[in-house]
Amino acid sequence: MTSVLFVVSEEGYWGEECVDPLETLSDTDASVDVATPSGNKPVVDDRSIDPETVGEETAEWVKEVHANDQRLQSPKPIAETDADVYDAVVFPGGHGTEWDVNQDRHARALLREMVEGGDQKALVVCHAVGLLAFTRDSNGGFLVDGRDVTGFPNEWEENIVDDHDLMPDGRKLPYWVEDEVKAAGGNWDAELDADASVTVDGDLITGRGPESSHESVMALIEALGVASPA
């Protein structure tokens, strides 16, 4: 059976970017596990369950899954996961990933092993794409160097943080994803004129943001060859 691991932030994941892929994959014949950096329950970004921000239907859907999905309620620590057990790993986005997942050495090792591992796949979405800027390949170079990627663009970040890079909740954003991925050698194109942006480069799939969540998981499903949901 195809097995997929989700690595979800404890500092604030964006609801739709986790819930849509999680629920969509759960409707296939794949099995799905969830991990977080420390093994504590993931935290959903409040803005991603605000009806005024995401719409009432999406807000209620995310809150229901977040509260009741036992995989999200009882995750395992990333350090206790084994890349060899999984056919794919999914890194949902959200600003929170900048403070934990993207800086976690076990997350970086997991991503490297999945992308370099032959038939395994990795899906990285939105702010989690920043993980690529801090992950080295087996030869010590940046894993993203020379790869085509999409992710959360600077143009969108400008509308969220203030002139001091402070978030609406008062936290200071430590870096901008687009800047770091480009500096690490990634071929960046967030396709700002498109409704959704998903890029496939070998065993690495990246998605731009919430509106690309479903298209990105469908690209993963196709790459894995599992039965698609009806």
C-alpha atoms as a PDB file:
ATOM      1  CA  MET A   1       0.000   0.000   0.000  1.00  0.00           C
ATOM      2  CA  THR A   2       1.159   3.525  -0.789  1.00  0.00           C
ATOM      3  CA  SER A   3       2.089   5.400   2.388  1.00  0.00           C
ATOM      4  CA  VAL A   4       2.273   9.180   2.820  1.00  0.00           C
ATOM      5  CA  LEU A   5       3.586  11.272   5.705  1.00  0.00           C
ATOM      6  CA  PHE A   6       2.360  14.801   6.461  1.00  0.00           C
ATOM      7  CA  VAL A   7       4.747  17.093   8.352  1.00  0.00           C
ATOM      8  CA  VAL A   8       2.646  19.837   9.966  1.00  0.00           C
ATOM      9  CA  SER A   9       3.638  22.975  11.870  1.00  0.00           C
ATOM     10  CA  GLU A  10       3.097  23.450  15.586  1.00  0.00           C
ATOM     11  CA  GLU A  11       3.514  27.209  15.105  1.00  0.00           C
ATOM     12  CA  GLY A  12       0.614  27.733  12.693  1.00  0.00           C
ATOM     13  CA  TYR A  13      -0.235  25.759   9.570  1.00  0.00           C
ATOM     14  CA  TRP A  14      -2.579  27.182   6.941  1.00  0.00           C
ATOM     15  CA  GLY A  15      -5.758  25.161   7.217  1.00  0.00           C
ATOM     16  CA  GLU A  16      -6.673  24.508   3.598  1.00  0.00           C
ATOM     17  CA  GLU A  17      -3.084  23.630   2.656  1.00  0.00           C
ATOM     18  CA  CYS A  18      -3.148  20.728   5.098  1.00  0.00           C
ATOM     19  CA  VAL A  19      -6.798  19.689   5.181  1.00  0.00           C
ATOM     20  CA  ASP A  20      -7.442  19.549   1.429  1.00  0.00           C
ATOM     21  CA  PRO A  21      -4.430  17.294   0.661  1.00  0.00           C
ATOM     22  CA  LEU A  22      -5.038  15.240   3.823  1.00  0.00           C
ATOM     23  CA  GLU A  23      -8.695  14.599   3.042  1.00  0.00           C
ATOM     24  CA  THR A  24      -8.086  14.082  -0.683  1.00  0.00           C
ATOM     25  CA  LEU A  25      -5.362  11.502  -0.100  1.00  0.00           C
ATOM     26  CA  SER A  26      -7.532   9.815   2.517  1.00  0.00           C
ATOM     27  CA  ASP A  27     -10.106   9.199  -0.211  1.00  0.00           C
ATOM     28  CA  THR A  28      -7.549   7.182  -2.193  1.00  0.00           C
ATOM     29  CA  ASP A  29      -6.093   3.790  -1.349  1.00  0.00           C
ATOM     30  CA  ALA A  30      -3.056   5.444   0.286  1.00  0.00           C
ATOM     31  CA  SER A  31      -2.428   5.364   4.030  1.00  0.00           C
ATOM     32  CA  VAL A  32      -1.595   8.673   5.712  1.00  0.00           C
ATOM     33  CA  ASP A  33       0.380   9.494   8.880  1.00  0.00           C
ATOM     34  CA  VAL A  34       1.037  12.867  10.508  1.00  0.00           C
ATOM     35  CA  ALA A  35       4.173  14.164  12.202  1.00  0.00           C
ATOM     36  CA  THR A  36       5.124  17.454  13.833  1.00  0.00           C
ATOM     37  CA  PRO A  37       8.546  18.704  14.922  1.00  0.00           C
ATOM     38  CA  SER A  38       8.139  17.691  18.581  1.00  0.00           C
ATOM     39  CA  GLY A  39       5.187  15.323  18.387  1.00  0.00           C
ATOM     40  CA  ASN A  40       2.806  17.860  19.897  1.00  0.00           C
ATOM     41  CA  LYS A  41      -0.494  18.608  18.186  1.00  0.00           C
ATOM     42  CA  PRO A  42      -0.216  20.974  15.230  1.00  0.00           C
ATOM     43  CA  VAL A  43      -1.619  24.482  15.560  1.00  0.00           C
ATOM     44  CA  VAL A  44      -3.859  25.974  12.889  1.00  0.00           C
ATOM     45  CA  ASP A  45      -3.299  29.589  11.850  1.00  0.00           C
ATOM     46  CA  ASP A  46      -6.260  31.596  13.151  1.00  0.00           C
ATOM     47  CA  ARG A  47      -6.466  33.565   9.922  1.00  0.00           C
ATOM     48  CA  SER A  48      -7.018  30.333   7.978  1.00  0.00           C
ATOM     49  CA  ILE A  49     -10.181  29.590   9.960  1.00  0.00           C
ATOM     50  CA  ASP A  50     -11.515  33.139   9.824  1.00  0.00           C
ATOM     51  CA  PRO A  51     -14.698  33.151   7.696  1.00  0.00           C
ATOM     52  CA  GLU A  52     -13.982  36.717   6.593  1.00  0.00           C
ATOM     53  CA  THR A  53     -10.602  35.602   5.243  1.00  0.00           C
ATOM     54  CA  VAL A  54     -11.297  32.162   3.762  1.00  0.00           C
ATOM     55  CA  GLY A  55     -15.082  31.953   3.583  1.00  0.00           C
ATOM     56  CA  GLU A  56     -17.488  30.264   5.976  1.00  0.00           C
ATOM     57  CA  GLU A  57     -17.465  26.864   4.252  1.00  0.00           C
ATOM     58  CA  THR A  58     -13.668  26.509   4.252  1.00  0.00           C
ATOM     59  CA  ALA A  59     -13.392  27.815   7.812  1.00  0.00           C
ATOM     60  CA  GLU A  60     -15.894  25.273   9.157  1.00  0.00           C
ATOM     61  CA  TRP A  61     -14.347  22.419   7.160  1.00  0.00           C
ATOM     62  CA  VAL A  62     -10.856  23.123   8.457  1.00  0.00           C
ATOM     63  CA  LYS A  63     -12.024  23.522  12.062  1.00  0.00           C
ATOM     64  CA  GLU A  64     -13.928  20.228  11.910  1.00  0.00           C
ATOM     65  CA  VAL A  65     -11.002  18.250  10.503  1.00  0.00           C
ATOM     66  CA  HIS A  66      -8.471  19.939  12.783  1.00  0.00           C
ATOM     67  CA  ALA A  67     -10.510  19.068  15.867  1.00  0.00           C
ATOM     68  CA  ASN A  68     -11.567  15.538  14.955  1.00  0.00           C
ATOM     69  CA  ASP A  69      -8.957  13.885  12.725  1.00  0.00           C
ATOM     70  CA  GLN A  70      -7.085  11.542  15.055  1.00  0.00           C
ATOM     71  CA  ARG A  71      -3.959  11.737  12.935  1.00  0.00           C
ATOM     72  CA  LEU A  72      -3.761  15.462  13.669  1.00  0.00           C
ATOM     73  CA  GLN A  73      -4.639  14.873  17.310  1.00  0.00           C
ATOM     74  CA  SER A  74      -1.880  12.308  17.860  1.00  0.00           C
ATOM     75  CA  PRO A  75       1.082  13.043  15.577  1.00  0.00           C
ATOM     76  CA  LYS A  76       4.499  11.469  15.879  1.00  0.00           C
ATOM     77  CA  PRO A  77       7.754  13.442  16.231  1.00  0.00           C
ATOM     78  CA  ILE A  78       9.595  13.936  12.938  1.00  0.00           C
ATOM     79  CA  ALA A  79      12.712  12.450  14.553  1.00  0.00           C
ATOM     80  CA  GLU A  80      10.881   9.133  14.974  1.00  0.00           C
ATOM     81  CA  THR A  81       9.836   8.854  11.334  1.00  0.00           C
ATOM     82  CA  ASP A  82      11.650   6.685   8.796  1.00  0.00           C
ATOM     83  CA  ALA A  83      11.789   7.912   5.211  1.00  0.00           C
ATOM     84  CA  ASP A  84      12.106   4.327   3.969  1.00  0.00           C
ATOM     85  CA  VAL A  85       8.581   3.579   5.212  1.00  0.00           C
ATOM     86  CA  TYR A  86       6.950   6.236   3.032  1.00  0.00           C
ATOM     87  CA  ASP A  87       6.360   6.737  -0.654  1.00  0.00           C
ATOM     88  CA  ALA A  88       5.803  10.470  -0.245  1.00  0.00           C
ATOM     89  CA  VAL A  89       6.014  13.292   2.245  1.00  0.00           C
ATOM     90  CA  VAL A  90       3.774  16.378   2.270  1.00  0.00           C
ATOM     91  CA  PHE A  91       4.804  19.671   3.881  1.00  0.00           C
ATOM     92  CA  PRO A  92       1.731  21.951   4.181  1.00  0.00           C
ATOM     93  CA  GLY A  93       2.467  25.651   4.425  1.00  0.00           C
ATOM     94  CA  GLY A  94       1.543  28.502   6.708  1.00  0.00           C
ATOM     95  CA  HIS A  95       3.735  31.214   8.191  1.00  0.00           C
ATOM     96  CA  GLY A  96       4.288  28.975  11.212  1.00  0.00           C
ATOM     97  CA  THR A  97       6.562  26.688   9.213  1.00  0.00           C
ATOM     98  CA  GLU A  98       9.187  29.446   9.213  1.00  0.00           C
ATOM     99  CA  TRP A  99       9.656  29.007  12.966  1.00  0.00           C
ATOM    100  CA  ASP A 100       9.677  25.217  13.209  1.00  0.00           C
ATOM    101  CA  VAL A 101       9.419  22.840  10.221  1.00  0.00           C
ATOM    102  CA  ASN A 102      11.706  24.805   7.917  1.00  0.00           C
ATOM    103  CA  GLN A 103      14.366  25.018  10.626  1.00  0.00           C
ATOM    104  CA  ASP A 104      14.145  21.395  11.755  1.00  0.00           C
ATOM    105  CA  ARG A 105      17.135  19.234  10.852  1.00  0.00           C
ATOM    106  CA  HIS A 106      15.023  16.088  10.850  1.00  0.00           C
ATOM    107  CA  ALA A 107      12.569  17.700   8.419  1.00  0.00           C
ATOM    108  CA  ARG A 108      15.467  18.681   6.173  1.00  0.00           C
ATOM    109  CA  ALA A 109      16.873  15.147   6.259  1.00  0.00           C
ATOM    110  CA  LEU A 110      13.454  13.706   5.485  1.00  0.00           C
ATOM    111  CA  LEU A 111      12.987  16.008   2.502  1.00  0.00           C
ATOM    112  CA  ARG A 112      16.455  15.205   1.168  1.00  0.00           C
ATOM    113  CA  GLU A 113      15.928  11.468   1.457  1.00  0.00           C
ATOM    114  CA  MET A 114      12.561  11.606  -0.272  1.00  0.00           C
ATOM    115  CA  VAL A 115      13.730  13.756  -3.188  1.00  0.00           C
ATOM    116  CA  GLU A 116      16.957  11.812  -3.681  1.00  0.00           C
ATOM    117  CA  GLY A 117      15.421   8.422  -2.953  1.00  0.00           C
ATOM    118  CA  GLY A 118      14.403   7.259  -6.416  1.00  0.00           C
ATOM    119  CA  ASP A 119      10.685   6.563  -6.618  1.00  0.00           C
ATOM    120  CA  GLN A 120       9.701   8.610  -3.551  1.00  0.00           C
ATOM    121  CA  LYS A 121       8.005  12.008  -3.870  1.00  0.00           C
ATOM    122  CA  ALA A 122       7.806  15.246  -1.898  1.00  0.00           C
ATOM    123  CA  LEU A 123       5.044  17.865  -2.018  1.00  0.00           C
ATOM    124  CA  VAL A 124       5.930  21.224  -0.455  1.00  0.00           C
ATOM    125  CA  VAL A 125       3.388  24.049  -0.296  1.00  0.00           C
ATOM    126  CA  CYS A 126       3.455  27.806   0.285  1.00  0.00           C
ATOM    127  CA  HIS A 127       5.731  28.957   3.149  1.00  0.00           C
ATOM    128  CA  ALA A 128       6.976  25.394   3.673  1.00  0.00           C
ATOM    129  CA  VAL A 129       8.818  25.846   0.364  1.00  0.00           C
ATOM    130  CA  GLY A 130      11.288  27.810   2.492  1.00  0.00           C
ATOM    131  CA  LEU A 131      12.491  24.426   3.748  1.00  0.00           C
ATOM    132  CA  LEU A 132      14.167  23.987   0.370  1.00  0.00           C
ATOM    133  CA  ALA A 133      16.404  26.984   1.061  1.00  0.00           C
ATOM    134  CA  PHE A 134      17.883  25.295   4.133  1.00  0.00           C
ATOM    135  CA  THR A 135      18.150  21.689   2.900  1.00  0.00           C
ATOM    136  CA  ARG A 136      21.440  20.379   1.570  1.00  0.00           C
ATOM    137  CA  ASP A 137      21.784  17.504  -0.862  1.00  0.00           C
ATOM    138  CA  SER A 138      24.066  14.516  -0.298  1.00  0.00           C
ATOM    139  CA  ASN A 139      27.003  16.416  -1.821  1.00  0.00           C
ATOM    140  CA  GLY A 140      26.584  19.448   0.420  1.00  0.00           C
ATOM    141  CA  GLY A 141      24.951  21.727  -2.141  1.00  0.00           C
ATOM    142  CA  PHE A 142      21.484  23.189  -1.825  1.00  0.00           C
ATOM    143  CA  LEU A 143      18.784  20.680  -2.724  1.00  0.00           C
ATOM    144  CA  VAL A 144      16.829  23.361  -4.593  1.00  0.00           C
ATOM    145  CA  ASP A 145      19.766  24.543  -6.703  1.00  0.00           C
ATOM    146  CA  GLY A 146      18.749  24.363 -10.364  1.00  0.00           C
ATOM    147  CA  ARG A 147      15.250  23.066  -9.629  1.00  0.00           C
ATOM    148  CA  ASP A 148      12.036  24.680 -10.875  1.00  0.00           C
ATOM    149  CA  VAL A 149       9.821  25.694  -7.950  1.00  0.00           C
ATOM    150  CA  THR A 150       6.841  27.812  -6.977  1.00  0.00           C
ATOM    151  CA  GLY A 151       5.876  29.047  -3.529  1.00  0.00           C
ATOM    152  CA  PHE A 152       4.604  31.987  -1.497  1.00  0.00           C
ATOM    153  CA  PRO A 153       5.722  35.111  -3.392  1.00  0.00           C
ATOM    154  CA  ASN A 154       7.184  38.344  -2.078  1.00  0.00           C
ATOM    155  CA  GLU A 155       4.360  40.286  -3.712  1.00  0.00           C
ATOM    156  CA  TRP A 156       1.863  38.589  -1.410  1.00  0.00           C
ATOM    157  CA  GLU A 157       4.087  38.870   1.659  1.00  0.00           C
ATOM    158  CA  GLU A 158       4.183  42.642   1.226  1.00  0.00           C
ATOM    159  CA  ASN A 159       0.437  42.731   1.868  1.00  0.00           C
ATOM    160  CA  ILE A 160       0.746  40.848   5.159  1.00  0.00           C
ATOM    161  CA  VAL A 161       3.780  42.099   7.093  1.00  0.00           C
ATOM    162  CA  ASP A 162       4.522  45.713   7.975  1.00  0.00           C
ATOM    163  CA  ASP A 163       7.690  47.669   7.191  1.00  0.00           C
ATOM    164  CA  HIS A 164       9.470  45.891  10.071  1.00  0.00           C
ATOM    165  CA  ASP A 165       8.361  42.439   8.866  1.00  0.00           C
ATOM    166  CA  LEU A 166       5.943  42.126  11.755  1.00  0.00           C
ATOM    167  CA  MET A 167       3.027  39.778  11.268  1.00  0.00           C
ATOM    168  CA  PRO A 168      -0.554  40.753  12.196  1.00  0.00           C
ATOM    169  CA  ASP A 169      -0.089  38.743  15.427  1.00  0.00           C
ATOM    170  CA  GLY A 170       3.063  40.706  16.304  1.00  0.00           C
ATOM    171  CA  ARG A 171       5.633  38.024  15.483  1.00  0.00           C
ATOM    172  CA  LYS A 172       8.563  39.076  13.330  1.00  0.00           C
ATOM    173  CA  LEU A 173       8.860  37.101  10.116  1.00  0.00           C
ATOM    174  CA  PRO A 174      12.448  35.789  10.052  1.00  0.00           C
ATOM    175  CA  TYR A 175      12.791  35.603   6.252  1.00  0.00           C
ATOM    176  CA  TRP A 176      10.861  35.799   2.996  1.00  0.00           C
ATOM    177  CA  VAL A 177      10.493  32.472   1.217  1.00  0.00           C
ATOM    178  CA  GLU A 178      11.038  33.739  -2.318  1.00  0.00           C
ATOM    179  CA  ASP A 179      14.266  35.535  -1.368  1.00  0.00           C
ATOM    180  CA  GLU A 180      15.782  32.517   0.382  1.00  0.00           C
ATOM    181  CA  VAL A 181      14.845  29.978  -2.295  1.00  0.00           C
ATOM    182  CA  LYS A 182      16.269  32.166  -5.039  1.00  0.00           C
ATOM    183  CA  ALA A 183      19.464  32.699  -3.024  1.00  0.00           C
ATOM    184  CA  ALA A 184      19.824  28.922  -2.741  1.00  0.00           C
ATOM    185  CA  GLY A 185      19.672  28.587  -6.536  1.00  0.00           C
ATOM    186  CA  GLY A 186      16.034  27.709  -7.123  1.00  0.00           C
ATOM    187  CA  ASN A 187      14.415  28.621 -10.434  1.00  0.00           C
ATOM    188  CA  TRP A 188      11.483  30.560  -8.981  1.00  0.00           C
ATOM    189  CA  ASP A 189       8.216  31.201 -10.802  1.00  0.00           C
ATOM    190  CA  ALA A 190       5.087  31.760  -8.710  1.00  0.00           C
ATOM    191  CA  GLU A 191       2.992  32.342 -11.852  1.00  0.00           C
ATOM    192  CA  LEU A 192       1.242  35.361 -10.368  1.00  0.00           C
ATOM    193  CA  ASP A 193      -1.092  35.699 -13.336  1.00  0.00           C
ATOM    194  CA  ALA A 194      -2.468  32.168 -12.822  1.00  0.00           C
ATOM    195  CA  ASP A 195      -5.261  31.156 -10.454  1.00  0.00           C
ATOM    196  CA  ALA A 196      -3.118  28.293  -9.173  1.00  0.00           C
ATOM    197  CA  SER A 197       0.556  27.420  -9.438  1.00  0.00           C
ATOM    198  CA  VAL A 198       1.966  23.891  -9.146  1.00  0.00           C
ATOM    199  CA  THR A 199       5.439  22.950 -10.357  1.00  0.00           C
ATOM    200  CA  VAL A 200       6.753  19.425 -10.834  1.00  0.00           C
ATOM    201  CA  ASP A 201      10.519  18.954 -11.037  1.00  0.00           C
ATOM    202  CA  GLY A 202      11.419  15.293 -10.885  1.00  0.00           C
ATOM    203  CA  ASP A 203      10.373  13.900  -7.504  1.00  0.00           C
ATOM    204  CA  LEU A 204       9.736  17.389  -6.094  1.00  0.00           C
ATOM    205  CA  ILE A 205       6.298  19.014  -6.351  1.00  0.00           C
ATOM    206  CA  THR A 206       5.727  22.552  -5.093  1.00  0.00           C
ATOM    207  CA  GLY A 207       2.514  24.547  -4.710  1.00  0.00           C
ATOM    208  CA  ARG A 208       2.184  28.309  -4.404  1.00  0.00           C
ATOM    209  CA  GLY A 209      -0.476  28.698  -1.716  1.00  0.00           C
ATOM    210  CA  PRO A 210      -3.992  27.836  -0.502  1.00  0.00           C
ATOM    211  CA  GLU A 211      -5.665  28.085  -3.897  1.00  0.00           C
ATOM    212  CA  SER A 212      -3.121  25.588  -5.256  1.00  0.00           C
ATOM    213  CA  SER A 213      -3.686  23.021  -2.498  1.00  0.00           C
ATOM    214  CA  HIS A 214      -6.037  20.734  -4.398  1.00  0.00           C
ATOM    215  CA  GLU A 215      -4.197  20.939  -7.707  1.00  0.00           C
ATOM    216  CA  SER A 216      -0.915  20.166  -5.962  1.00  0.00           C
ATOM    217  CA  VAL A 217      -2.212  17.065  -4.183  1.00  0.00           C
ATOM    218  CA  MET A 218      -3.756  15.845  -7.425  1.00  0.00           C
ATOM    219  CA  ALA A 219      -0.307  16.182  -9.014  1.00  0.00           C
ATOM    220  CA  LEU A 220       1.080  14.062  -6.179  1.00  0.00           C
ATOM    221  CA  ILE A 221      -1.663  11.466  -6.608  1.00  0.00           C
ATOM    222  CA  GLU A 222      -0.853  11.234 -10.302  1.00  0.00           C
ATOM    223  CA  ALA A 223       2.868  10.903  -9.571  1.00  0.00           C
ATOM    224  CA  LEU A 224       2.242   8.150  -7.027  1.00  0.00           C
ATOM    225  CA  GLY A 225      -0.179   6.292  -9.290  1.00  0.00           C
ATOM    226  CA  VAL A 226      -2.752   5.740  -6.532  1.00  0.00           C
ATOM    227  CA  ALA A 227      -6.471   5.542  -7.224  1.00  0.00           C
ATOM    228  CA  SER A 228      -7.867   9.054  -7.549  1.00  0.00           C
ATOM    229  CA  PRO A 229     -10.871  10.127  -5.432  1.00  0.00           C
ATOM    230  CA  ALA A 230     -14.210  10.036  -7.193  1.00  0.00           C
END
